Amino acid sequence: MVSYEPYEGAKTERMAADAAAITARYPDPRSALLPLLHLVQSEDGFVSPDGIAFCAATLGLTTAEVSAVATFYSQFKRHPNGTYTVGVCTNTLCAIMGGDAIFDELSAHLGVGHDETTADGAITLERIECNAACDYAPVMMINWEFFDEQTPESALAVVDKLIAGEPVAPTRGASSVCTFKAMSRVLAGFPDGRAGEGVGAGPATLAGARLAREKGWAAPAATASDAASGAQETPVAPVPGGEQSSVDTPSAPPSGGAAGTDSGRKASEEA
């Protein structure tokens, strides 16, 4: 299960140092809110109330402003997350190729539904919208690492290995899957040195580029007329009542329908 360490002592000092490194990247400190929320998740395993207060105090925001952002993005968890987030794409193409069947099989096997975590705290299961890997549908992601062309059987095998504490290797990218907290720290902007591991783009992704090379295809060169047509024109401010604006333009009265027509019924009957 996720263990929670209070915001005091060494933890506060550690997070303050990390937060200073994050905010230093931005000319406006409040722009650092998203990576700071990932930093909180790397410590707490979710966006905790104390973490929200920490972000607010660090950036000079209200807790309401921080909460508004944390609740907008699905990557930020408002309750303790599992060690591994198993996300199954059930968007159009993945669903057609078997994504729904994979999710249903995992849900029944683990005894949890969408955004729910197993009792041992190992797995949080999610339905995920497009994983940007349609060429490898159906796709499952574990802590944002790709597992391509899955079946219900292969997905179950991977999840069972995670529960058993055995290492699993993504189809592409890093050579292993790290924990949710470790991945959150990477998303906060602290590289773990694994970015260059494994294959980034597989054969299906590169098929178009390979075919273009074989056929000698190339994008047409830009001409002088293309450059001229692409030049930006000086913007013209809208004129009230003009073609670009509805300001000061009287609306037309309603027409048609039964407005003003006597229905032959009493007012009490119309109500």
C-alpha atoms as a PDB file:
ATOM      1  CA  MET A   1       0.000   0.000   0.000  1.00  0.00           C
ATOM      2  CA  VAL A   2       1.019   3.627  -0.455  1.00  0.00           C
ATOM      3  CA  SER A   3       2.795   4.935   2.645  1.00  0.00           C
ATOM      4  CA  TYR A   4       2.341   8.579   3.526  1.00  0.00           C
ATOM      5  CA  GLU A   5       5.122  10.703   4.994  1.00  0.00           C
ATOM      6  CA  PRO A   6       4.052  13.973   6.657  1.00  0.00           C
ATOM      7  CA  TYR A   7       5.292  17.276   5.258  1.00  0.00           C
ATOM      8  CA  GLU A   8       7.927  18.029   7.828  1.00  0.00           C
ATOM      9  CA  GLY A   9      11.644  17.761   8.470  1.00  0.00           C
ATOM     10  CA  ALA A  10      13.730  16.062   5.786  1.00  0.00           C
ATOM     11  CA  LYS A  11      10.796  15.674   3.397  1.00  0.00           C
ATOM     12  CA  THR A  12      10.008  19.380   3.416  1.00  0.00           C
ATOM     13  CA  GLU A  13      13.672  20.261   2.875  1.00  0.00           C
ATOM     14  CA  ARG A  14      13.974  17.756   0.024  1.00  0.00           C
ATOM     15  CA  MET A  15      10.842  18.966  -1.717  1.00  0.00           C
ATOM     16  CA  ALA A  16      11.750  22.634  -1.260  1.00  0.00           C
ATOM     17  CA  ALA A  17      15.092  22.020  -2.996  1.00  0.00           C
ATOM     18  CA  ASP A  18      13.409  20.164  -5.857  1.00  0.00           C
ATOM     19  CA  ALA A  19      10.739  22.847  -6.153  1.00  0.00           C
ATOM     20  CA  ALA A  20      13.404  25.546  -6.382  1.00  0.00           C
ATOM     21  CA  ALA A  21      15.061  23.653  -9.242  1.00  0.00           C
ATOM     22  CA  ILE A  22      11.715  23.346 -11.032  1.00  0.00           C
ATOM     23  CA  THR A  23      10.589  26.956 -10.644  1.00  0.00           C
ATOM     24  CA  ALA A  24      14.005  28.191 -11.810  1.00  0.00           C
ATOM     25  CA  ARG A  25      13.175  26.866 -15.289  1.00  0.00           C
ATOM     26  CA  TYR A  26      10.321  29.329 -15.768  1.00  0.00           C
ATOM     27  CA  PRO A  27      10.253  33.141 -16.023  1.00  0.00           C
ATOM     28  CA  ASP A  28       6.907  33.109 -14.199  1.00  0.00           C
ATOM     29  CA  PRO A  29       7.012  30.753 -11.194  1.00  0.00           C
ATOM     30  CA  ARG A  30       3.334  29.819 -11.449  1.00  0.00           C
ATOM     31  CA  SER A  31       4.110  28.161 -14.788  1.00  0.00           C
ATOM     32  CA  ALA A  32       5.798  25.448 -12.735  1.00  0.00           C
ATOM     33  CA  LEU A  33       2.517  24.156 -11.292  1.00  0.00           C
ATOM     34  CA  LEU A  34       2.198  21.050 -13.497  1.00  0.00           C
ATOM     35  CA  PRO A  35       5.694  19.691 -12.772  1.00  0.00           C
ATOM     36  CA  LEU A  36       5.247  20.563  -9.096  1.00  0.00           C
ATOM     37  CA  LEU A  37       2.105  18.426  -8.995  1.00  0.00           C
ATOM     38  CA  HIS A  38       4.083  15.562 -10.524  1.00  0.00           C
ATOM     39  CA  LEU A  39       6.724  16.149  -7.842  1.00  0.00           C
ATOM     40  CA  VAL A  40       4.031  15.792  -5.169  1.00  0.00           C
ATOM     41  CA  GLN A  41       2.932  12.506  -6.739  1.00  0.00           C
ATOM     42  CA  SER A  42       6.525  11.287  -6.780  1.00  0.00           C
ATOM     43  CA  GLU A  43       6.581  11.738  -3.007  1.00  0.00           C
ATOM     44  CA  ASP A  44       3.041  10.873  -1.922  1.00  0.00           C
ATOM     45  CA  GLY A  45       1.805   8.573  -4.695  1.00  0.00           C
ATOM     46  CA  PHE A  46      -1.076  10.975  -5.369  1.00  0.00           C
ATOM     47  CA  VAL A  47      -1.883  14.692  -5.147  1.00  0.00           C
ATOM     48  CA  SER A  48      -2.447  14.919  -1.412  1.00  0.00           C
ATOM     49  CA  PRO A  49      -4.090  17.827   0.443  1.00  0.00           C
ATOM     50  CA  ASP A  50      -0.679  18.605   1.971  1.00  0.00           C
ATOM     51  CA  GLY A  51       0.827  18.521  -1.514  1.00  0.00           C
ATOM     52  CA  ILE A  52      -1.738  21.005  -2.771  1.00  0.00           C
ATOM     53  CA  ALA A  53      -0.927  23.315   0.131  1.00  0.00           C
ATOM     54  CA  PHE A  54       2.802  22.919  -0.625  1.00  0.00           C
ATOM     55  CA  CYS A  55       2.306  23.905  -4.285  1.00  0.00           C
ATOM     56  CA  ALA A  56       0.138  26.857  -3.321  1.00  0.00           C
ATOM     57  CA  ALA A  57       2.663  28.170  -0.796  1.00  0.00           C
ATOM     58  CA  THR A  58       5.570  27.652  -3.205  1.00  0.00           C
ATOM     59  CA  LEU A  59       3.930  29.504  -6.090  1.00  0.00           C
ATOM     60  CA  GLY A  60       1.890  32.121  -4.235  1.00  0.00           C
ATOM     61  CA  LEU A  61      -1.419  30.593  -5.332  1.00  0.00           C
ATOM     62  CA  THR A  62      -4.535  29.653  -3.407  1.00  0.00           C
ATOM     63  CA  THR A  63      -5.269  26.014  -2.717  1.00  0.00           C
ATOM     64  CA  ALA A  64      -8.427  26.438  -4.814  1.00  0.00           C
ATOM     65  CA  GLU A  65      -6.332  27.473  -7.819  1.00  0.00           C
ATOM     66  CA  VAL A  66      -4.046  24.471  -7.408  1.00  0.00           C
ATOM     67  CA  SER A  67      -7.003  22.108  -6.955  1.00  0.00           C
ATOM     68  CA  ALA A  68      -8.623  23.467 -10.103  1.00  0.00           C
ATOM     69  CA  VAL A  69      -5.591  22.370 -12.123  1.00  0.00           C
ATOM     70  CA  ALA A  70      -5.112  19.053 -10.296  1.00  0.00           C
ATOM     71  CA  THR A  71      -8.712  18.030 -10.945  1.00  0.00           C
ATOM     72  CA  PHE A  72      -8.580  19.014 -14.628  1.00  0.00           C
ATOM     73  CA  TYR A  73      -5.894  16.523 -15.726  1.00  0.00           C
ATOM     74  CA  SER A  74      -6.446  12.773 -15.404  1.00  0.00           C
ATOM     75  CA  GLN A  75      -2.722  12.127 -14.811  1.00  0.00           C
ATOM     76  CA  PHE A  76      -3.074  13.726 -11.390  1.00  0.00           C
ATOM     77  CA  LYS A  77      -4.590  11.339  -8.847  1.00  0.00           C
ATOM     78  CA  ARG A  78      -6.679  12.622  -5.956  1.00  0.00           C
ATOM     79  CA  HIS A  79      -6.516   9.352  -4.026  1.00  0.00           C
ATOM     80  CA  PRO A  80      -3.609   6.929  -3.441  1.00  0.00           C
ATOM     81  CA  ASN A  81      -2.517   5.311  -6.687  1.00  0.00           C
ATOM     82  CA  GLY A  82      -1.102   1.837  -7.118  1.00  0.00           C
ATOM     83  CA  THR A  83       2.555   1.053  -7.669  1.00  0.00           C
ATOM     84  CA  TYR A  84       1.677   0.490 -11.321  1.00  0.00           C
ATOM     85  CA  THR A  85      -0.958   2.279 -13.367  1.00  0.00           C
ATOM     86  CA  VAL A  86      -2.241  -0.129 -15.996  1.00  0.00           C
ATOM     87  CA  GLY A  87      -4.008   1.885 -18.661  1.00  0.00           C
ATOM     88  CA  VAL A  88      -5.905   0.192 -21.466  1.00  0.00           C
ATOM     89  CA  CYS A  89      -6.739   2.292 -24.507  1.00  0.00           C
ATOM     90  CA  THR A  90     -10.432   1.916 -25.332  1.00  0.00           C
ATOM     91  CA  ASN A  91     -10.634   4.696 -27.909  1.00  0.00           C
ATOM     92  CA  THR A  92     -12.001   3.937 -31.367  1.00  0.00           C
ATOM     93  CA  LEU A  93      -9.273   1.898 -33.079  1.00  0.00           C
ATOM     94  CA  CYS A  94      -8.014   0.113 -29.971  1.00  0.00           C
ATOM     95  CA  ALA A  95     -11.594  -0.690 -28.976  1.00  0.00           C
ATOM     96  CA  ILE A  96     -12.295  -2.214 -32.392  1.00  0.00           C
ATOM     97  CA  MET A  97      -9.085  -4.225 -32.181  1.00  0.00           C
ATOM     98  CA  GLY A  98      -9.909  -5.610 -28.744  1.00  0.00           C
ATOM     99  CA  GLY A  99      -9.236  -2.898 -26.179  1.00  0.00           C
ATOM    100  CA  ASP A 100     -12.619  -3.264 -24.484  1.00  0.00           C
ATOM    101  CA  ALA A 101     -12.128  -7.028 -24.177  1.00  0.00           C
ATOM    102  CA  ILE A 102      -8.683  -6.473 -22.614  1.00  0.00           C
ATOM    103  CA  PHE A 103     -10.053  -4.004 -20.081  1.00  0.00           C
ATOM    104  CA  ASP A 104     -12.986  -6.259 -19.177  1.00  0.00           C
ATOM    105  CA  GLU A 105     -10.680  -9.253 -18.715  1.00  0.00           C
ATOM    106  CA  LEU A 106      -8.284  -7.296 -16.486  1.00  0.00           C
ATOM    107  CA  SER A 107     -11.160  -5.790 -14.512  1.00  0.00           C
ATOM    108  CA  ALA A 108     -12.637  -9.213 -13.791  1.00  0.00           C
ATOM    109  CA  HIS A 109      -9.219 -10.713 -12.973  1.00  0.00           C
ATOM    110  CA  LEU A 110      -8.179  -7.893 -10.607  1.00  0.00           C
ATOM    111  CA  GLY A 111     -11.603  -7.226  -9.119  1.00  0.00           C
ATOM    112  CA  VAL A 112     -11.422  -3.482  -9.772  1.00  0.00           C
ATOM    113  CA  GLY A 113     -12.978  -1.047 -12.217  1.00  0.00           C
ATOM    114  CA  HIS A 114     -11.806   2.167 -13.852  1.00  0.00           C
ATOM    115  CA  ASP A 115      -9.514   4.268 -11.635  1.00  0.00           C
ATOM    116  CA  GLU A 116      -9.694   1.705  -8.847  1.00  0.00           C
ATOM    117  CA  THR A 117      -6.749   0.076  -7.080  1.00  0.00           C
ATOM    118  CA  THR A 118      -6.265  -3.501  -5.957  1.00  0.00           C
ATOM    119  CA  ALA A 119      -6.358  -4.168  -2.213  1.00  0.00           C
ATOM    120  CA  ASP A 120      -2.603  -4.805  -2.104  1.00  0.00           C
ATOM    121  CA  GLY A 121      -1.903  -1.407  -3.685  1.00  0.00           C
ATOM    122  CA  ALA A 122      -0.077  -2.951  -6.632  1.00  0.00           C
ATOM    123  CA  ILE A 123      -2.299  -2.065  -9.610  1.00  0.00           C
ATOM    124  CA  THR A 124      -4.516   0.870 -10.512  1.00  0.00           C
ATOM    125  CA  LEU A 125      -6.601   0.046 -13.586  1.00  0.00           C
ATOM    126  CA  GLU A 126      -7.697   2.728 -16.021  1.00  0.00           C
ATOM    127  CA  ARG A 127      -9.510   3.169 -19.286  1.00  0.00           C
ATOM    128  CA  ILE A 128      -7.371   5.564 -21.286  1.00  0.00           C
ATOM    129  CA  GLU A 129      -8.217   7.688 -24.281  1.00  0.00           C
ATOM    130  CA  CYS A 130      -5.865   7.596 -27.266  1.00  0.00           C
ATOM    131  CA  ASN A 131      -2.310   6.538 -26.355  1.00  0.00           C
ATOM    132  CA  ALA A 132      -1.000   7.940 -29.678  1.00  0.00           C
ATOM    133  CA  ALA A 133       0.009   4.457 -30.782  1.00  0.00           C
ATOM    134  CA  CYS A 134      -2.794   3.540 -33.184  1.00  0.00           C
ATOM    135  CA  ASP A 135      -0.316   1.726 -35.435  1.00  0.00           C
ATOM    136  CA  TYR A 136       0.107  -0.859 -32.655  1.00  0.00           C
ATOM    137  CA  ALA A 137      -3.508  -1.224 -31.525  1.00  0.00           C
ATOM    138  CA  PRO A 138      -4.672  -2.476 -29.133  1.00  0.00           C
ATOM    139  CA  VAL A 139      -2.249  -0.798 -26.741  1.00  0.00           C
ATOM    140  CA  MET A 140      -1.829  -1.028 -22.985  1.00  0.00           C
ATOM    141  CA  MET A 141       0.421   1.322 -21.014  1.00  0.00           C
ATOM    142  CA  ILE A 142       2.018   0.659 -17.649  1.00  0.00           C
ATOM    143  CA  ASN A 143       3.228   3.846 -15.985  1.00  0.00           C
ATOM    144  CA  TRP A 144       3.268   5.386 -19.479  1.00  0.00           C
ATOM    145  CA  GLU A 145       5.444   2.691 -21.079  1.00  0.00           C
ATOM    146  CA  PHE A 146       4.074   1.006 -24.222  1.00  0.00           C
ATOM    147  CA  PHE A 147       2.836  -2.571 -24.431  1.00  0.00           C
ATOM    148  CA  ASP A 148       1.796  -2.954 -28.048  1.00  0.00           C
ATOM    149  CA  GLU A 149      -0.578  -5.307 -29.880  1.00  0.00           C
ATOM    150  CA  GLN A 150      -1.963  -6.813 -26.703  1.00  0.00           C
ATOM    151  CA  THR A 151      -4.529  -9.566 -26.249  1.00  0.00           C
ATOM    152  CA  PRO A 152      -6.501 -10.373 -23.098  1.00  0.00           C
ATOM    153  CA  GLU A 153      -4.125 -13.274 -22.485  1.00  0.00           C
ATOM    154  CA  SER A 154      -0.905 -11.282 -22.933  1.00  0.00           C
ATOM    155  CA  ALA A 155      -2.219  -8.400 -20.805  1.00  0.00           C
ATOM    156  CA  LEU A 156      -3.124 -10.800 -17.984  1.00  0.00           C
ATOM    157  CA  ALA A 157       0.337 -12.360 -18.129  1.00  0.00           C
ATOM    158  CA  VAL A 158       2.035  -8.953 -17.809  1.00  0.00           C
ATOM    159  CA  VAL A 159      -0.153  -7.874 -14.897  1.00  0.00           C
ATOM    160  CA  ASP A 160       0.383 -11.158 -13.055  1.00  0.00           C
ATOM    161  CA  LYS A 161       4.148 -10.659 -13.346  1.00  0.00           C
ATOM    162  CA  LEU A 162       3.827  -7.178 -11.865  1.00  0.00           C
ATOM    163  CA  ILE A 163       1.813  -8.499  -8.936  1.00  0.00           C
ATOM    164  CA  ALA A 164       4.393 -11.241  -8.382  1.00  0.00           C
ATOM    165  CA  GLY A 165       7.187  -8.657  -8.332  1.00  0.00           C
ATOM    166  CA  GLU A 166       8.772  -9.934 -11.532  1.00  0.00           C
ATOM    167  CA  PRO A 167      10.329  -7.504 -14.032  1.00  0.00           C
ATOM    168  CA  VAL A 168       8.440  -6.755 -17.237  1.00  0.00           C
ATOM    169  CA  ALA A 169       9.806  -5.157 -20.402  1.00  0.00           C
ATOM    170  CA  PRO A 170       7.802  -2.697 -22.515  1.00  0.00           C
ATOM    171  CA  THR A 171       7.498  -3.288 -26.247  1.00  0.00           C
ATOM    172  CA  ARG A 172       9.227   0.009 -26.959  1.00  0.00           C
ATOM    173  CA  GLY A 173      11.103   2.599 -24.916  1.00  0.00           C
ATOM    174  CA  ALA A 174      12.794   1.867 -21.615  1.00  0.00           C
ATOM    175  CA  SER A 175      14.015  -1.670 -20.951  1.00  0.00           C
ATOM    176  CA  SER A 176      11.893  -2.016 -17.811  1.00  0.00           C
ATOM    177  CA  VAL A 177       8.896  -0.492 -16.056  1.00  0.00           C
ATOM    178  CA  CYS A 178       9.557   1.788 -13.090  1.00  0.00           C
ATOM    179  CA  THR A 179       7.106   2.591 -10.303  1.00  0.00           C
ATOM    180  CA  PHE A 180       4.402   5.235 -10.467  1.00  0.00           C
ATOM    181  CA  LYS A 181       6.363   7.422  -8.037  1.00  0.00           C
ATOM    182  CA  ALA A 182       9.559   7.081 -10.069  1.00  0.00           C
ATOM    183  CA  MET A 183       7.762   7.957 -13.309  1.00  0.00           C
ATOM    184  CA  SER A 184       6.136  10.958 -11.621  1.00  0.00           C
ATOM    185  CA  ARG A 185       9.580  12.268 -10.749  1.00  0.00           C
ATOM    186  CA  VAL A 186      10.621  11.965 -14.398  1.00  0.00           C
ATOM    187  CA  LEU A 187       7.484  13.897 -15.409  1.00  0.00           C
ATOM    188  CA  ALA A 188       8.446  16.544 -12.858  1.00  0.00           C
ATOM    189  CA  GLY A 189      11.568  17.126 -14.934  1.00  0.00           C
ATOM    190  CA  PHE A 190      14.213  14.985 -13.255  1.00  0.00           C
ATOM    191  CA  PRO A 191      15.525  12.485 -15.865  1.00  0.00           C
ATOM    192  CA  ASP A 192      16.271   8.940 -14.752  1.00  0.00           C
ATOM    193  CA  GLY A 193      18.822   8.315 -17.510  1.00  0.00           C
ATOM    194  CA  ARG A 194      16.646   5.813 -19.378  1.00  0.00           C
ATOM    195  CA  ALA A 195      15.375   8.036 -22.197  1.00  0.00           C
ATOM    196  CA  GLY A 196      17.702   6.484 -24.762  1.00  0.00           C
ATOM    197  CA  GLU A 197      16.888   2.869 -23.929  1.00  0.00           C
ATOM    198  CA  GLY A 198      15.134   0.556 -26.341  1.00  0.00           C
ATOM    199  CA  VAL A 199      13.359   1.218 -29.605  1.00  0.00           C
ATOM    200  CA  GLY A 200      11.534   4.513 -29.962  1.00  0.00           C
ATOM    201  CA  ALA A 201       9.680   3.952 -33.231  1.00  0.00           C
ATOM    202  CA  GLY A 202       8.984   0.457 -34.526  1.00  0.00           C
ATOM    203  CA  PRO A 203       8.451  -0.847 -38.074  1.00  0.00           C
ATOM    204  CA  ALA A 204       4.745   0.017 -38.209  1.00  0.00           C
ATOM    205  CA  THR A 205       5.430   3.639 -37.282  1.00  0.00           C
ATOM    206  CA  LEU A 206       8.201   3.963 -39.865  1.00  0.00           C
ATOM    207  CA  ALA A 207       6.381   2.184 -42.712  1.00  0.00           C
ATOM    208  CA  GLY A 208       5.377   5.437 -44.409  1.00  0.00           C
ATOM    209  CA  ALA A 209       8.912   6.854 -44.317  1.00  0.00           C
ATOM    210  CA  ARG A 210      10.336   3.565 -45.644  1.00  0.00           C
ATOM    211  CA  LEU A 211       7.842   3.466 -48.504  1.00  0.00           C
ATOM    212  CA  ALA A 212       8.619   7.093 -49.417  1.00  0.00           C
ATOM    213  CA  ARG A 213      12.341   6.302 -49.627  1.00  0.00           C
ATOM    214  CA  GLU A 214      11.727   3.222 -51.761  1.00  0.00           C
ATOM    215  CA  LYS A 215       9.480   5.134 -54.166  1.00  0.00           C
ATOM    216  CA  GLY A 216      11.630   8.240 -54.210  1.00  0.00           C
ATOM    217  CA  TRP A 217       8.780  10.378 -52.922  1.00  0.00           C
ATOM    218  CA  ALA A 218       9.483  13.813 -51.484  1.00  0.00           C
ATOM    219  CA  ALA A 219       7.457  16.805 -50.428  1.00  0.00           C
ATOM    220  CA  PRO A 220       7.222  19.436 -53.193  1.00  0.00           C
ATOM    221  CA  ALA A 221       9.613  22.354 -52.793  1.00  0.00           C
ATOM    222  CA  ALA A 222       8.110  25.661 -51.773  1.00  0.00           C
ATOM    223  CA  THR A 223       7.831  28.262 -54.535  1.00  0.00           C
ATOM    224  CA  ALA A 224       8.051  32.043 -54.395  1.00  0.00           C
ATOM    225  CA  SER A 225       4.265  32.295 -54.779  1.00  0.00           C
ATOM    226  CA  ASP A 226       3.809  29.862 -51.855  1.00  0.00           C
ATOM    227  CA  ALA A 227       6.034  32.050 -49.695  1.00  0.00           C
ATOM    228  CA  ALA A 228       4.120  35.165 -50.739  1.00  0.00           C
ATOM    229  CA  SER A 229       0.720  33.601 -50.075  1.00  0.00           C
ATOM    230  CA  GLY A 230       1.926  32.454 -46.655  1.00  0.00           C
ATOM    231  CA  ALA A 231       2.983  35.927 -45.579  1.00  0.00           C
ATOM    232  CA  GLN A 232       0.977  37.251 -42.675  1.00  0.00           C
ATOM    233  CA  GLU A 233      -1.241  40.209 -43.388  1.00  0.00           C
ATOM    234  CA  THR A 234      -1.608  43.101 -40.991  1.00  0.00           C
ATOM    235  CA  PRO A 235      -4.629  42.287 -38.806  1.00  0.00           C
ATOM    236  CA  VAL A 236      -7.596  44.592 -39.140  1.00  0.00           C
ATOM    237  CA  ALA A 237      -9.460  45.495 -35.979  1.00  0.00           C
ATOM    238  CA  PRO A 238     -13.169  44.556 -36.105  1.00  0.00           C
ATOM    239  CA  VAL A 239     -15.516  47.489 -36.570  1.00  0.00           C
ATOM    240  CA  PRO A 240     -18.651  47.528 -34.379  1.00  0.00           C
ATOM    241  CA  GLY A 241     -21.556  46.588 -36.577  1.00  0.00           C
ATOM    242  CA  GLY A 242     -19.218  45.549 -39.373  1.00  0.00           C
ATOM    243  CA  GLU A 243     -18.812  42.212 -41.126  1.00  0.00           C
ATOM    244  CA  GLN A 244     -16.555  40.744 -38.407  1.00  0.00           C
ATOM    245  CA  SER A 245     -18.547  41.841 -35.402  1.00  0.00           C
ATOM    246  CA  SER A 246     -22.011  41.451 -33.940  1.00  0.00           C
ATOM    247  CA  VAL A 247     -21.518  44.437 -31.632  1.00  0.00           C
ATOM    248  CA  ASP A 248     -24.325  47.032 -31.912  1.00  0.00           C
ATOM    249  CA  THR A 249     -26.043  44.868 -34.513  1.00  0.00           C
ATOM    250  CA  PRO A 250     -29.743  44.688 -33.629  1.00  0.00           C
ATOM    251  CA  SER A 251     -31.125  41.189 -33.610  1.00  0.00           C
ATOM    252  CA  ALA A 252     -33.970  40.410 -35.968  1.00  0.00           C
ATOM    253  CA  PRO A 253     -37.371  39.857 -34.368  1.00  0.00           C
ATOM    254  CA  PRO A 254     -38.530  36.228 -34.218  1.00  0.00           C
ATOM    255  CA  SER A 255     -40.561  35.051 -37.147  1.00  0.00           C
ATOM    256  CA  GLY A 256     -42.742  32.029 -37.839  1.00  0.00           C
ATOM    257  CA  GLY A 257     -43.973  29.584 -35.229  1.00  0.00           C
ATOM    258  CA  ALA A 258     -47.064  30.166 -33.124  1.00  0.00           C
ATOM    259  CA  ALA A 259     -45.941  33.361 -31.391  1.00  0.00           C
ATOM    260  CA  GLY A 260     -48.899  35.707 -30.896  1.00  0.00           C
ATOM    261  CA  THR A 261     -51.367  33.175 -32.300  1.00  0.00           C
ATOM    262  CA  ASP A 262     -54.568  32.602 -30.375  1.00  0.00           C
ATOM    263  CA  SER A 263     -54.724  28.935 -29.461  1.00  0.00           C
ATOM    264  CA  GLY A 264     -58.343  29.133 -28.423  1.00  0.00           C
ATOM    265  CA  ARG A 265     -57.503  27.913 -24.911  1.00  0.00           C
ATOM    266  CA  LYS A 266     -57.644  29.741 -21.614  1.00  0.00           C
ATOM    267  CA  ALA A 267     -54.476  31.039 -20.021  1.00  0.00           C
ATOM    268  CA  SER A 268     -54.830  28.506 -17.189  1.00  0.00           C
ATOM    269  CA  GLU A 269     -54.800  25.716 -19.769  1.00  0.00           C
ATOM    270  CA  GLU A 270     -51.688  27.094 -21.456  1.00  0.00           C
ATOM    271  CA  ALA A 271     -49.655  26.942 -18.217  1.00  0.00           C
END
